PDB file of N, CA and C in Angstrom:
ATOM      1  N   MET A   1     -18.686   3.939  15.536  1.00  0.00           N
ATOM      2  CA  MET A   1     -18.070   2.722  16.005  1.00  0.00           C
ATOM      3  C   MET A   1     -18.528   2.465  17.435  1.00  0.00           C
ATOM      4  N   ASP A   2     -18.971   1.251  17.687  1.00  0.00           N
ATOM      5  CA  ASP A   2     -19.389   0.958  19.058  1.00  0.00           C
ATOM      6  C   ASP A   2     -18.178   0.482  19.878  1.00  0.00           C
ATOM      7  N   GLN A   3     -18.402   0.277  21.157  1.00  0.00           N
ATOM      8  CA  GLN A   3     -17.309  -0.053  22.081  1.00  0.00           C
ATOM      9  C   GLN A   3     -16.593  -1.347  21.693  1.00  0.00           C
ATOM     10  N   ASP A   4     -17.344  -2.359  21.266  1.00  0.00           N
ATOM     11  CA  ASP A   4     -16.717  -3.624  20.867  1.00  0.00           C
ATOM     12  C   ASP A   4     -15.798  -3.437  19.662  1.00  0.00           C
ATOM     13  N   GLU A   5     -16.228  -2.630  18.709  1.00  0.00           N
ATOM     14  CA  GLU A   5     -15.406  -2.374  17.524  1.00  0.00           C
ATOM     15  C   GLU A   5     -14.138  -1.601  17.890  1.00  0.00           C
ATOM     16  N   ILE A   6     -14.280  -0.654  18.798  1.00  0.00           N
ATOM     17  CA  ILE A   6     -13.117   0.119  19.250  1.00  0.00           C
ATOM     18  C   ILE A   6     -12.114  -0.800  19.952  1.00  0.00           C
ATOM     19  N   GLU A   7     -12.617  -1.657  20.831  1.00  0.00           N
ATOM     20  CA  GLU A   7     -11.733  -2.580  21.547  1.00  0.00           C
ATOM     21  C   GLU A   7     -11.047  -3.544  20.583  1.00  0.00           C
ATOM     22  N   PHE A   8     -11.778  -4.000  19.563  1.00  0.00           N
ATOM     23  CA  PHE A   8     -11.196  -4.894  18.570  1.00  0.00           C
ATOM     24  C   PHE A   8     -10.088  -4.183  17.795  1.00  0.00           C
ATOM     25  N   LEU A   9     -10.348  -2.959  17.374  1.00  0.00           N
ATOM     26  CA  LEU A   9      -9.348  -2.188  16.647  1.00  0.00           C
ATOM     27  C   LEU A   9      -8.119  -1.941  17.520  1.00  0.00           C
ATOM     28  N   MET A  10      -8.322  -1.604  18.770  1.00  0.00           N
ATOM     29  CA  MET A  10      -7.195  -1.368  19.676  1.00  0.00           C
ATOM     30  C   MET A  10      -6.372  -2.650  19.862  1.00  0.00           C
ATOM     31  N   SER A  11      -7.048  -3.786  19.884  1.00  0.00           N
ATOM     32  CA  SER A  11      -6.356  -5.065  19.986  1.00  0.00           C
ATOM     33  C   SER A  11      -5.508  -5.324  18.734  1.00  0.00           C
ATOM     34  N   LEU A  12      -6.066  -5.019  17.572  1.00  0.00           N
ATOM     35  CA  LEU A  12      -5.319  -5.180  16.328  1.00  0.00           C
ATOM     36  C   LEU A  12      -4.095  -4.264  16.301  1.00  0.00           C
ATOM     37  N   ILE A  13      -4.276  -3.037  16.752  1.00  0.00           N
ATOM     38  CA  ILE A  13      -3.162  -2.087  16.777  1.00  0.00           C
ATOM     39  C   ILE A  13      -2.073  -2.560  17.735  1.00  0.00           C
ATOM     40  N   LYS A  14      -2.483  -3.047  18.895  1.00  0.00           N
ATOM     41  CA  LYS A  14      -1.507  -3.560  19.863  1.00  0.00           C
ATOM     42  C   LYS A  14      -0.716  -4.718  19.257  1.00  0.00           C
ATOM     43  N   ASP A  15      -1.414  -5.630  18.576  1.00  0.00           N
ATOM     44  CA  ASP A  15      -0.732  -6.750  17.914  1.00  0.00           C
ATOM     45  C   ASP A  15       0.199  -6.251  16.815  1.00  0.00           C
ATOM     46  N   PHE A  16      -0.272  -5.271  16.039  1.00  0.00           N
ATOM     47  CA  PHE A  16       0.564  -4.714  14.981  1.00  0.00           C
ATOM     48  C   PHE A  16       1.851  -4.126  15.556  1.00  0.00           C
ATOM     49  N   ILE A  17       1.735  -3.361  16.618  1.00  0.00           N
ATOM     50  CA  ILE A  17       2.908  -2.721  17.208  1.00  0.00           C
ATOM     51  C   ILE A  17       3.918  -3.770  17.676  1.00  0.00           C
ATOM     52  N   GLY A  18       3.441  -4.817  18.321  1.00  0.00           N
ATOM     53  CA  GLY A  18       4.342  -5.887  18.757  1.00  0.00           C
ATOM     54  C   GLY A  18       5.031  -6.558  17.581  1.00  0.00           C
ATOM     55  N   ASP A  19       4.259  -6.889  16.548  1.00  0.00           N
ATOM     56  CA  ASP A  19       4.831  -7.515  15.351  1.00  0.00           C
ATOM     57  C   ASP A  19       5.779  -6.567  14.634  1.00  0.00           C
ATOM     58  N   ALA A  20       5.395  -5.296  14.544  1.00  0.00           N
ATOM     59  CA  ALA A  20       6.226  -4.310  13.845  1.00  0.00           C
ATOM     60  C   ALA A  20       7.565  -4.139  14.564  1.00  0.00           C
ATOM     61  N   ARG A  21       7.545  -4.129  15.871  1.00  0.00           N
ATOM     62  CA  ARG A  21       8.805  -4.017  16.621  1.00  0.00           C
ATOM     63  C   ARG A  21       9.735  -5.185  16.288  1.00  0.00           C
ATOM     64  N   PHE A  22       9.173  -6.371  16.274  1.00  0.00           N
ATOM     65  CA  PHE A  22       9.960  -7.556  15.944  1.00  0.00           C
ATOM     66  C   PHE A  22      10.515  -7.452  14.521  1.00  0.00           C
ATOM     67  N   GLN A  23       9.668  -7.052  13.580  1.00  0.00           N
ATOM     68  CA  GLN A  23      10.101  -6.932  12.192  1.00  0.00           C
ATOM     69  C   GLN A  23      11.155  -5.831  12.029  1.00  0.00           C
ATOM     70  N   LEU A  24      10.996  -4.736  12.736  1.00  0.00           N
ATOM     71  CA  LEU A  24      11.980  -3.658  12.663  1.00  0.00           C
ATOM     72  C   LEU A  24      13.326  -4.107  13.231  1.00  0.00           C
ATOM     73  N   ASP A  25      13.296  -4.898  14.291  1.00  0.00           N
ATOM     74  CA  ASP A  25      14.547  -5.444  14.829  1.00  0.00           C
ATOM     75  C   ASP A  25      15.218  -6.341  13.793  1.00  0.00           C
ATOM     76  N   GLU A  26      14.422  -7.170  13.117  1.00  0.00           N
ATOM     77  CA  GLU A  26      14.962  -8.022  12.054  1.00  0.00           C
ATOM     78  C   GLU A  26      15.540  -7.185  10.920  1.00  0.00           C
ATOM     79  N   LEU A  27      14.823  -6.146  10.536  1.00  0.00           N
ATOM     80  CA  LEU A  27      15.300  -5.272   9.461  1.00  0.00           C
ATOM     81  C   LEU A  27      16.598  -4.575   9.853  1.00  0.00           C
ATOM     82  N   GLU A  28      16.698  -4.184  11.104  1.00  0.00           N
ATOM     83  CA  GLU A  28      17.928  -3.547  11.568  1.00  0.00           C
ATOM     84  C   GLU A  28      19.107  -4.519  11.454  1.00  0.00           C
ATOM     85  N   GLU A  29      18.893  -5.761  11.888  1.00  0.00           N
ATOM     86  CA  GLU A  29      19.950  -6.770  11.777  1.00  0.00           C
ATOM     87  C   GLU A  29      20.343  -6.984  10.311  1.00  0.00           C
ATOM     88  N   MET A  30      19.342  -7.048   9.430  1.00  0.00           N
ATOM     89  CA  MET A  30      19.625  -7.219   8.001  1.00  0.00           C
ATOM     90  C   MET A  30      20.413  -6.029   7.458  1.00  0.00           C
ATOM     91  N   GLY A  31      20.005  -4.838   7.854  1.00  0.00           N
ATOM     92  CA  GLY A  31      20.695  -3.640   7.394  1.00  0.00           C
ATOM     93  C   GLY A  31      22.139  -3.598   7.848  1.00  0.00           C
ATOM     94  N   LEU A  32      22.382  -3.968   9.087  1.00  0.00           N
ATOM     95  CA  LEU A  32      23.755  -3.994   9.599  1.00  0.00           C
ATOM     96  C   LEU A  32      24.587  -5.027   8.850  1.00  0.00           C
ATOM     97  N   ALA A  33      23.984  -6.174   8.561  1.00  0.00           N
ATOM     98  CA  ALA A  33      24.694  -7.203   7.798  1.00  0.00           C
ATOM     99  C   ALA A  33      24.968  -6.721   6.373  1.00  0.00           C
ATOM    100  N   LEU A  34      23.992  -6.059   5.759  1.00  0.00           N
ATOM    101  CA  LEU A  34      24.179  -5.538   4.400  1.00  0.00           C
ATOM    102  C   LEU A  34      25.233  -4.443   4.357  1.00  0.00           C
ATOM    103  N   GLU A  35      25.304  -3.694   5.430  1.00  0.00           N
ATOM    104  CA  GLU A  35      26.284  -2.612   5.507  1.00  0.00           C
ATOM    105  C   GLU A  35      27.717  -3.170   5.467  1.00  0.00           C
ATOM    106  N   SER A  36      27.917  -4.298   6.137  1.00  0.00           N
ATOM    107  CA  SER A  36      29.263  -4.875   6.185  1.00  0.00           C
ATOM    108  C   SER A  36      29.544  -5.823   5.021  1.00  0.00           C
ATOM    109  N   ALA A  37      28.510  -6.470   4.479  1.00  0.00           N
ATOM    110  CA  ALA A  37      28.710  -7.410   3.376  1.00  0.00           C
ATOM    111  C   ALA A  37      27.458  -7.450   2.503  1.00  0.00           C
ATOM    112  N   PRO A  38      27.430  -6.666   1.437  1.00  0.00           N
ATOM    113  CA  PRO A  38      26.257  -6.678   0.549  1.00  0.00           C
ATOM    114  C   PRO A  38      25.938  -8.096   0.059  1.00  0.00           C
ATOM    115  N   ASP A  39      24.653  -8.405   0.052  1.00  0.00           N
ATOM    116  CA  ASP A  39      24.209  -9.754  -0.297  1.00  0.00           C
ATOM    117  C   ASP A  39      22.829  -9.648  -0.939  1.00  0.00           C
ATOM    118  N   ALA A  40      22.702 -10.092  -2.181  1.00  0.00           N
ATOM    119  CA  ALA A  40      21.441  -9.970  -2.922  1.00  0.00           C
ATOM    120  C   ALA A  40      20.306 -10.724  -2.241  1.00  0.00           C
ATOM    121  N   ALA A  41      20.590 -11.893  -1.690  1.00  0.00           N
ATOM    122  CA  ALA A  41      19.543 -12.677  -1.029  1.00  0.00           C
ATOM    123  C   ALA A  41      19.027 -11.961   0.214  1.00  0.00           C
ATOM    124  N   ARG A  42      19.931 -11.405   0.996  1.00  0.00           N
ATOM    125  CA  ARG A  42      19.531 -10.683   2.212  1.00  0.00           C
ATOM    126  C   ARG A  42      18.747  -9.421   1.846  1.00  0.00           C
ATOM    127  N   LEU A  43      19.176  -8.738   0.787  1.00  0.00           N
ATOM    128  CA  LEU A  43      18.471  -7.546   0.332  1.00  0.00           C
ATOM    129  C   LEU A  43      17.049  -7.900  -0.100  1.00  0.00           C
ATOM    130  N   SER A  44      16.904  -8.999  -0.814  1.00  0.00           N
ATOM    131  CA  SER A  44      15.578  -9.458  -1.246  1.00  0.00           C
ATOM    132  C   SER A  44      14.703  -9.781  -0.034  1.00  0.00           C
ATOM    133  N   GLU A  45      15.293 -10.419   0.959  1.00  0.00           N
ATOM    134  CA  GLU A  45      14.565 -10.746   2.190  1.00  0.00           C
ATOM    135  C   GLU A  45      14.111  -9.469   2.903  1.00  0.00           C
ATOM    136  N   ALA A  46      14.963  -8.468   2.929  1.00  0.00           N
ATOM    137  CA  ALA A  46      14.610  -7.194   3.564  1.00  0.00           C
ATOM    138  C   ALA A  46      13.455  -6.533   2.821  1.00  0.00           C
ATOM    139  N   ARG A  47      13.494  -6.555   1.502  1.00  0.00           N
ATOM    140  CA  ARG A  47      12.395  -5.956   0.725  1.00  0.00           C
ATOM    141  C   ARG A  47      11.078  -6.692   0.969  1.00  0.00           C
ATOM    142  N   LYS A  48      11.133  -8.007   1.068  1.00  0.00           N
ATOM    143  CA  LYS A  48       9.916  -8.794   1.358  1.00  0.00           C
ATOM    144  C   LYS A  48       9.364  -8.448   2.737  1.00  0.00           C
ATOM    145  N   LEU A  49      10.252  -8.312   3.700  1.00  0.00           N
ATOM    146  CA  LEU A  49       9.820  -7.963   5.057  1.00  0.00           C
ATOM    147  C   LEU A  49       9.226  -6.558   5.088  1.00  0.00           C
ATOM    148  N   LEU A  50       9.825  -5.631   4.355  1.00  0.00           N
ATOM    149  CA  LEU A  50       9.258  -4.284   4.251  1.00  0.00           C
ATOM    150  C   LEU A  50       7.864  -4.331   3.642  1.00  0.00           C
ATOM    151  N   HIS A  51       7.700  -5.137   2.607  1.00  0.00           N
ATOM    152  CA  HIS A  51       6.395  -5.244   1.943  1.00  0.00           C
ATOM    153  C   HIS A  51       5.335  -5.779   2.916  1.00  0.00           C
ATOM    154  N   SER A  52       5.694  -6.774   3.682  1.00  0.00           N
ATOM    155  CA  SER A  52       4.783  -7.335   4.679  1.00  0.00           C
ATOM    156  C   SER A  52       4.433  -6.311   5.753  1.00  0.00           C
ATOM    157  N   LEU A  53       5.449  -5.578   6.210  1.00  0.00           N
ATOM    158  CA  LEU A  53       5.236  -4.550   7.233  1.00  0.00           C
ATOM    159  C   LEU A  53       4.322  -3.451   6.713  1.00  0.00           C
ATOM    160  N   LYS A  54       4.517  -3.078   5.454  1.00  0.00           N
ATOM    161  CA  LYS A  54       3.672  -2.050   4.833  1.00  0.00           C
ATOM    162  C   LYS A  54       2.208  -2.504   4.825  1.00  0.00           C
ATOM    163  N   GLY A  55       1.961  -3.736   4.429  1.00  0.00           N
ATOM    164  CA  GLY A  55       0.591  -4.253   4.394  1.00  0.00           C
ATOM    165  C   GLY A  55      -0.046  -4.303   5.771  1.00  0.00           C
ATOM    166  N   SER A  56       0.731  -4.716   6.759  1.00  0.00           N
ATOM    167  CA  SER A  56       0.209  -4.765   8.131  1.00  0.00           C
ATOM    168  C   SER A  56      -0.149  -3.368   8.627  1.00  0.00           C
ATOM    169  N   ALA A  57       0.705  -2.397   8.303  1.00  0.00           N
ATOM    170  CA  ALA A  57       0.436  -1.016   8.718  1.00  0.00           C
ATOM    171  C   ALA A  57      -0.833  -0.490   8.065  1.00  0.00           C
ATOM    172  N   GLN A  58      -1.025  -0.807   6.795  1.00  0.00           N
ATOM    173  CA  GLN A  58      -2.234  -0.363   6.100  1.00  0.00           C
ATOM    174  C   GLN A  58      -3.483  -0.993   6.705  1.00  0.00           C
ATOM    175  N   ALA A  59      -3.366  -2.239   7.143  1.00  0.00           N
ATOM    176  CA  ALA A  59      -4.522  -2.949   7.709  1.00  0.00           C
ATOM    177  C   ALA A  59      -5.050  -2.297   8.982  1.00  0.00           C
ATOM    178  N   VAL A  60      -4.170  -1.611   9.717  1.00  0.00           N
ATOM    179  CA  VAL A  60      -4.603  -0.950  10.957  1.00  0.00           C
ATOM    180  C   VAL A  60      -4.608   0.573  10.810  1.00  0.00           C
ATOM    181  N   ALA A  61      -4.600   1.034   9.560  1.00  0.00           N
ATOM    182  CA  ALA A  61      -4.723   2.461   9.233  1.00  0.00           C
ATOM    183  C   ALA A  61      -3.561   3.309   9.746  1.00  0.00           C
ATOM    184  N   PHE A  62      -2.375   2.747   9.774  1.00  0.00           N
ATOM    185  CA  PHE A  62      -1.163   3.510  10.084  1.00  0.00           C
ATOM    186  C   PHE A  62      -0.618   4.035   8.761  1.00  0.00           C
ATOM    187  N   GLN A  63      -1.324   4.989   8.180  1.00  0.00           N
ATOM    188  CA  GLN A  63      -1.020   5.448   6.831  1.00  0.00           C
ATOM    189  C   GLN A  63       0.364   6.093   6.711  1.00  0.00           C
ATOM    190  N   GLU A  64       0.731   6.921   7.670  1.00  0.00           N
ATOM    191  CA  GLU A  64       2.042   7.579   7.604  1.00  0.00           C
ATOM    192  C   GLU A  64       3.162   6.549   7.712  1.00  0.00           C
ATOM    193  N   PHE A  65       3.010   5.618   8.621  1.00  0.00           N
ATOM    194  CA  PHE A  65       3.986   4.548   8.808  1.00  0.00           C
ATOM    195  C   PHE A  65       4.108   3.751   7.517  1.00  0.00           C
ATOM    196  N   SER A  66       2.966   3.393   6.951  1.00  0.00           N
ATOM    197  CA  SER A  66       2.940   2.634   5.704  1.00  0.00           C
ATOM    198  C   SER A  66       3.604   3.397   4.558  1.00  0.00           C
ATOM    199  N   ALA A  67       3.375   4.691   4.493  1.00  0.00           N
ATOM    200  CA  ALA A  67       3.970   5.510   3.429  1.00  0.00           C
ATOM    201  C   ALA A  67       5.494   5.512   3.532  1.00  0.00           C
ATOM    202  N   VAL A  68       6.013   5.591   4.747  1.00  0.00           N
ATOM    203  CA  VAL A  68       7.463   5.555   4.944  1.00  0.00           C
ATOM    204  C   VAL A  68       8.010   4.198   4.499  1.00  0.00           C
ATOM    205  N   VAL A  69       7.370   3.138   4.922  1.00  0.00           N
ATOM    206  CA  VAL A  69       7.834   1.796   4.561  1.00  0.00           C
ATOM    207  C   VAL A  69       7.781   1.614   3.041  1.00  0.00           C
ATOM    208  N   HIS A  70       6.721   2.102   2.419  1.00  0.00           N
ATOM    209  CA  HIS A  70       6.594   2.000   0.959  1.00  0.00           C
ATOM    210  C   HIS A  70       7.748   2.716   0.258  1.00  0.00           C
ATOM    211  N   GLN A  71       8.061   3.914   0.706  1.00  0.00           N
ATOM    212  CA  GLN A  71       9.151   4.664   0.084  1.00  0.00           C
ATOM    213  C   GLN A  71      10.500   3.972   0.298  1.00  0.00           C
ATOM    214  N   MET A  72      10.688   3.368   1.460  1.00  0.00           N
ATOM    215  CA  MET A  72      11.938   2.644   1.720  1.00  0.00           C
ATOM    216  C   MET A  72      12.013   1.405   0.838  1.00  0.00           C
ATOM    217  N   GLU A  73      10.898   0.736   0.689  1.00  0.00           N
ATOM    218  CA  GLU A  73      10.833  -0.437  -0.185  1.00  0.00           C
ATOM    219  C   GLU A  73      11.198  -0.036  -1.625  1.00  0.00           C
ATOM    220  N   THR A  74      10.669   1.077  -2.078  1.00  0.00           N
ATOM    221  CA  THR A  74      10.950   1.579  -3.427  1.00  0.00           C
ATOM    222  C   THR A  74      12.425   1.940  -3.575  1.00  0.00           C
ATOM    223  N   LEU A  75      12.986   2.600  -2.568  1.00  0.00           N
ATOM    224  CA  LEU A  75      14.401   2.970  -2.623  1.00  0.00           C
ATOM    225  C   LEU A  75      15.284   1.729  -2.722  1.00  0.00           C
ATOM    226  N   LEU A  76      15.009   0.720  -1.900  1.00  0.00           N
ATOM    227  CA  LEU A  76      15.843  -0.485  -1.918  1.00  0.00           C
ATOM    228  C   LEU A  76      15.674  -1.286  -3.205  1.00  0.00           C
ATOM    229  N   ALA A  77      14.558  -1.117  -3.889  1.00  0.00           N
ATOM    230  CA  ALA A  77      14.386  -1.775  -5.183  1.00  0.00           C
ATOM    231  C   ALA A  77      15.275  -1.107  -6.235  1.00  0.00           C
ATOM    232  N   ALA A  78      15.571   0.174  -6.043  1.00  0.00           N
ATOM    233  CA  ALA A  78      16.369   0.926  -7.010  1.00  0.00           C
ATOM    234  C   ALA A  78      17.849   0.967  -6.651  1.00  0.00           C
ATOM    235  N   ARG A  79      18.149   0.960  -5.350  1.00  0.00           N
ATOM    236  CA  ARG A  79      19.539   1.123  -4.910  1.00  0.00           C
ATOM    237  C   ARG A  79      19.826   0.210  -3.729  1.00  0.00           C
ATOM    238  N   SER A  80      21.047  -0.281  -3.699  1.00  0.00           N
ATOM    239  CA  SER A  80      21.474  -1.074  -2.538  1.00  0.00           C
ATOM    240  C   SER A  80      22.909  -0.729  -2.157  1.00  0.00           C
ATOM    241  N   ASP A  81      23.330   0.476  -2.508  1.00  0.00           N
ATOM    242  CA  ASP A  81      24.681   0.915  -2.188  1.00  0.00           C
ATOM    243  C   ASP A  81      24.768   1.353  -0.720  1.00  0.00           C
ATOM    244  N   ALA A  82      25.973   1.676  -0.292  1.00  0.00           N
ATOM    245  CA  ALA A  82      26.193   2.048   1.110  1.00  0.00           C
ATOM    246  C   ALA A  82      25.327   3.222   1.564  1.00  0.00           C
ATOM    247  N   PRO A  83      25.194   4.310   0.769  1.00  0.00           N
ATOM    248  CA  PRO A  83      24.312   5.397   1.221  1.00  0.00           C
ATOM    249  C   PRO A  83      22.851   4.948   1.396  1.00  0.00           C
ATOM    250  N   ALA A  84      22.368   4.089   0.512  1.00  0.00           N
ATOM    251  CA  ALA A  84      20.983   3.605   0.629  1.00  0.00           C
ATOM    252  C   ALA A  84      20.811   2.755   1.881  1.00  0.00           C
ATOM    253  N   ILE A  85      21.796   1.919   2.181  1.00  0.00           N
ATOM    254  CA  ILE A  85      21.712   1.092   3.391  1.00  0.00           C
ATOM    255  C   ILE A  85      21.787   1.973   4.635  1.00  0.00           C
ATOM    256  N   GLY A  86      22.588   3.027   4.588  1.00  0.00           N
ATOM    257  CA  GLY A  86      22.634   3.970   5.708  1.00  0.00           C
ATOM    258  C   GLY A  86      21.296   4.635   5.948  1.00  0.00           C
ATOM    259  N   VAL A  87      20.643   5.048   4.868  1.00  0.00           N
ATOM    260  CA  VAL A  87      19.303   5.643   4.994  1.00  0.00           C
ATOM    261  C   VAL A  87      18.320   4.596   5.514  1.00  0.00           C
ATOM    262  N   PHE A  88      18.408   3.384   5.009  1.00  0.00           N
ATOM    263  CA  PHE A  88      17.555   2.288   5.460  1.00  0.00           C
ATOM    264  C   PHE A  88      17.645   2.133   6.977  1.00  0.00           C
ATOM    265  N   LEU A  89      18.867   2.114   7.506  1.00  0.00           N
ATOM    266  CA  LEU A  89      19.037   1.974   8.956  1.00  0.00           C
ATOM    267  C   LEU A  89      18.476   3.181   9.704  1.00  0.00           C
ATOM    268  N   GLY A  90      18.660   4.373   9.145  1.00  0.00           N
ATOM    269  CA  GLY A  90      18.096   5.571   9.767  1.00  0.00           C
ATOM    270  C   GLY A  90      16.577   5.547   9.783  1.00  0.00           C
ATOM    271  N   VAL A  91      15.991   5.052   8.707  1.00  0.00           N
ATOM    272  CA  VAL A  91      14.530   4.958   8.626  1.00  0.00           C
ATOM    273  C   VAL A  91      14.005   3.926   9.615  1.00  0.00           C
ATOM    274  N   VAL A  92      14.694   2.802   9.745  1.00  0.00           N
ATOM    275  CA  VAL A  92      14.286   1.793  10.731  1.00  0.00           C
ATOM    276  C   VAL A  92      14.272   2.409  12.127  1.00  0.00           C
ATOM    277  N   ASP A  93      15.299   3.181  12.467  1.00  0.00           N
ATOM    278  CA  ASP A  93      15.335   3.854  13.778  1.00  0.00           C
ATOM    279  C   ASP A  93      14.145   4.787  13.951  1.00  0.00           C
ATOM    280  N   ARG A  94      13.819   5.523  12.911  1.00  0.00           N
ATOM    281  CA  ARG A  94      12.697   6.460  13.003  1.00  0.00           C
ATOM    282  C   ARG A  94      11.358   5.740  13.100  1.00  0.00           C
ATOM    283  N   LEU A  95      11.229   4.607  12.438  1.00  0.00           N
ATOM    284  CA  LEU A  95       9.987   3.839  12.561  1.00  0.00           C
ATOM    285  C   LEU A  95       9.826   3.280  13.978  1.00  0.00           C
ATOM    286  N   LYS A  96      10.926   2.888  14.588  1.00  0.00           N
ATOM    287  CA  LYS A  96      10.866   2.450  15.986  1.00  0.00           C
ATOM    288  C   LYS A  96      10.428   3.606  16.877  1.00  0.00           C
ATOM    289  N   GLU A  97      10.966   4.784  16.605  1.00  0.00           N
ATOM    290  CA  GLU A  97      10.583   5.980  17.368  1.00  0.00           C
ATOM    291  C   GLU A  97       9.112   6.310  17.140  1.00  0.00           C
ATOM    292  N   TYR A  98       8.645   6.162  15.921  1.00  0.00           N
ATOM    293  CA  TYR A  98       7.238   6.390  15.582  1.00  0.00           C
ATOM    294  C   TYR A  98       6.349   5.554  16.505  1.00  0.00           C
ATOM    295  N   LEU A  99       6.676   4.278  16.632  1.00  0.00           N
ATOM    296  CA  LEU A  99       5.865   3.394  17.485  1.00  0.00           C
ATOM    297  C   LEU A  99       5.933   3.813  18.951  1.00  0.00           C
ATOM    298  N   ARG A 100       7.119   4.199  19.414  1.00  0.00           N
ATOM    299  CA  ARG A 100       7.252   4.658  20.819  1.00  0.00           C
ATOM    300  C   ARG A 100       6.386   5.888  21.071  1.00  0.00           C
ATOM    301  N   ILE A 101       6.430   6.826  20.150  1.00  0.00           N
ATOM    302  CA  ILE A 101       5.644   8.055  20.308  1.00  0.00           C
ATOM    303  C   ILE A 101       4.159   7.739  20.263  1.00  0.00           C
ATOM    304  N   TYR A 102       3.743   6.885  19.339  1.00  0.00           N
ATOM    305  CA  TYR A 102       2.331   6.515  19.242  1.00  0.00           C
ATOM    306  C   TYR A 102       1.857   5.912  20.565  1.00  0.00           C
ATOM    307  N   GLU A 103       2.635   4.995  21.103  1.00  0.00           N
ATOM    308  CA  GLU A 103       2.228   4.348  22.357  1.00  0.00           C
ATOM    309  C   GLU A 103       2.186   5.312  23.528  1.00  0.00           C
ATOM    310  N   ALA A 104       2.973   6.365  23.468  1.00  0.00           N
ATOM    311  CA  ALA A 104       2.972   7.372  24.532  1.00  0.00           C
ATOM    312  C   ALA A 104       1.883   8.419  24.290  1.00  0.00           C
ATOM    313  N   SER A 105       1.000   8.136  23.335  1.00  0.00           N
ATOM    314  CA  SER A 105      -0.118   9.025  22.983  1.00  0.00           C
ATOM    315  C   SER A 105       0.358  10.359  22.428  1.00  0.00           C
ATOM    316  N   GLY A 106       1.498  10.335  21.787  1.00  0.00           N
ATOM    317  CA  GLY A 106       2.010  11.540  21.149  1.00  0.00           C
ATOM    318  C   GLY A 106       1.673  11.560  19.673  1.00  0.00           C
ATOM    319  N   ASP A 107       2.194  12.548  18.986  1.00  0.00           N
ATOM    320  CA  ASP A 107       1.970  12.690  17.553  1.00  0.00           C
ATOM    321  C   ASP A 107       3.214  12.221  16.813  1.00  0.00           C
ATOM    322  N   PRO A 108       3.160  11.039  16.182  1.00  0.00           N
ATOM    323  CA  PRO A 108       4.340  10.524  15.499  1.00  0.00           C
ATOM    324  C   PRO A 108       4.549  11.082  14.090  1.00  0.00           C
ATOM    325  N   LYS A 109       3.628  11.942  13.626  1.00  0.00           N
ATOM    326  CA  LYS A 109       3.723  12.445  12.257  1.00  0.00           C
ATOM    327  C   LYS A 109       5.070  13.118  11.955  1.00  0.00           C
ATOM    328  N   PRO A 110       5.621  13.956  12.844  1.00  0.00           N
ATOM    329  CA  PRO A 110       6.926  14.563  12.529  1.00  0.00           C
ATOM    330  C   PRO A 110       8.042  13.533  12.302  1.00  0.00           C
ATOM    331  N   VAL A 111       7.990  12.414  13.002  1.00  0.00           N
ATOM    332  CA  VAL A 111       8.995  11.374  12.825  1.00  0.00           C
ATOM    333  C   VAL A 111       8.836  10.738  11.441  1.00  0.00           C
ATOM    334  N   ALA A 112       7.595  10.526  11.019  1.00  0.00           N
ATOM    335  CA  ALA A 112       7.347   9.983   9.684  1.00  0.00           C
ATOM    336  C   ALA A 112       7.842  10.948   8.620  1.00  0.00           C
ATOM    337  N   GLU A 113       7.594  12.224   8.815  1.00  0.00           N
ATOM    338  CA  GLU A 113       8.054  13.230   7.850  1.00  0.00           C
ATOM    339  C   GLU A 113       9.574  13.270   7.790  1.00  0.00           C
ATOM    340  N   GLU A 114      10.217  13.134   8.930  1.00  0.00           N
ATOM    341  CA  GLU A 114      11.678  13.116   8.976  1.00  0.00           C
ATOM    342  C   GLU A 114      12.226  11.897   8.218  1.00  0.00           C
ATOM    343  N   ALA A 115      11.593  10.749   8.400  1.00  0.00           N
ATOM    344  CA  ALA A 115      12.018   9.533   7.693  1.00  0.00           C
ATOM    345  C   ALA A 115      11.839   9.692   6.186  1.00  0.00           C
ATOM    346  N   LEU A 116      10.714  10.270   5.774  1.00  0.00           N
ATOM    347  CA  LEU A 116      10.475  10.489   4.341  1.00  0.00           C
ATOM    348  C   LEU A 116      11.511  11.452   3.760  1.00  0.00           C
ATOM    349  N   LYS A 117      11.893  12.442   4.537  1.00  0.00           N
ATOM    350  CA  LYS A 117      12.917  13.395   4.068  1.00  0.00           C
ATOM    351  C   LYS A 117      14.253  12.693   3.864  1.00  0.00           C
ATOM    352  N   LEU A 118      14.622  11.798   4.774  1.00  0.00           N
ATOM    353  CA  LEU A 118      15.858  11.039   4.613  1.00  0.00           C
ATOM    354  C   LEU A 118      15.868  10.293   3.272  1.00  0.00           C
ATOM    355  N   ILE A 119      14.746   9.660   2.971  1.00  0.00           N
ATOM    356  CA  ILE A 119      14.634   8.888   1.734  1.00  0.00           C
ATOM    357  C   ILE A 119      14.680   9.805   0.533  1.00  0.00           C
ATOM    358  N   ARG A 120      13.902  10.887   0.567  1.00  0.00           N
ATOM    359  CA  ARG A 120      13.847  11.814  -0.565  1.00  0.00           C
ATOM    360  C   ARG A 120      15.201  12.466  -0.826  1.00  0.00           C
ATOM    361  N   ASP A 121      15.922  12.795   0.222  1.00  0.00           N
ATOM    362  CA  ASP A 121      17.223  13.437   0.068  1.00  0.00           C
ATOM    363  C   ASP A 121      18.228  12.533  -0.644  1.00  0.00           C
ATOM    364  N   LEU A 122      18.065  11.235  -0.509  1.00  0.00           N
ATOM    365  CA  LEU A 122      18.972  10.297  -1.167  1.00  0.00           C
ATOM    366  C   LEU A 122      18.511   9.948  -2.568  1.00  0.00           C
ATOM    367  N   ALA A 123      17.207   9.893  -2.758  1.00  0.00           N
ATOM    368  CA  ALA A 123      16.659   9.428  -4.046  1.00  0.00           C
ATOM    369  C   ALA A 123      16.906  10.377  -5.190  1.00  0.00           C
TER     370      ALA A 123
END
């Protein structure tokens, strides 16, 4: 990869992180609303947003992040009870942490593994 390609990829990643933060904030709001008042339309909207976030993560090679989002999307397709919404909110928090760690040049893989464990433990 030459310097221009690296700079382009870094620009895409920076844009992804900004968009992902916004989407995660939206997902958190949806999760809190679902926690207090289950709503099929809101749940469907959350699943669509997860699907979009998963695709964006794959586009910039955030494979671990994408895998977590995919598993959460799958869980919400199967369950929408209070325990599932609780896990959903926990996973959103961990995905936010994943982005913080990535930006600090750390290794976010343990956070992704922790999020996947939350999902697996409920499923």
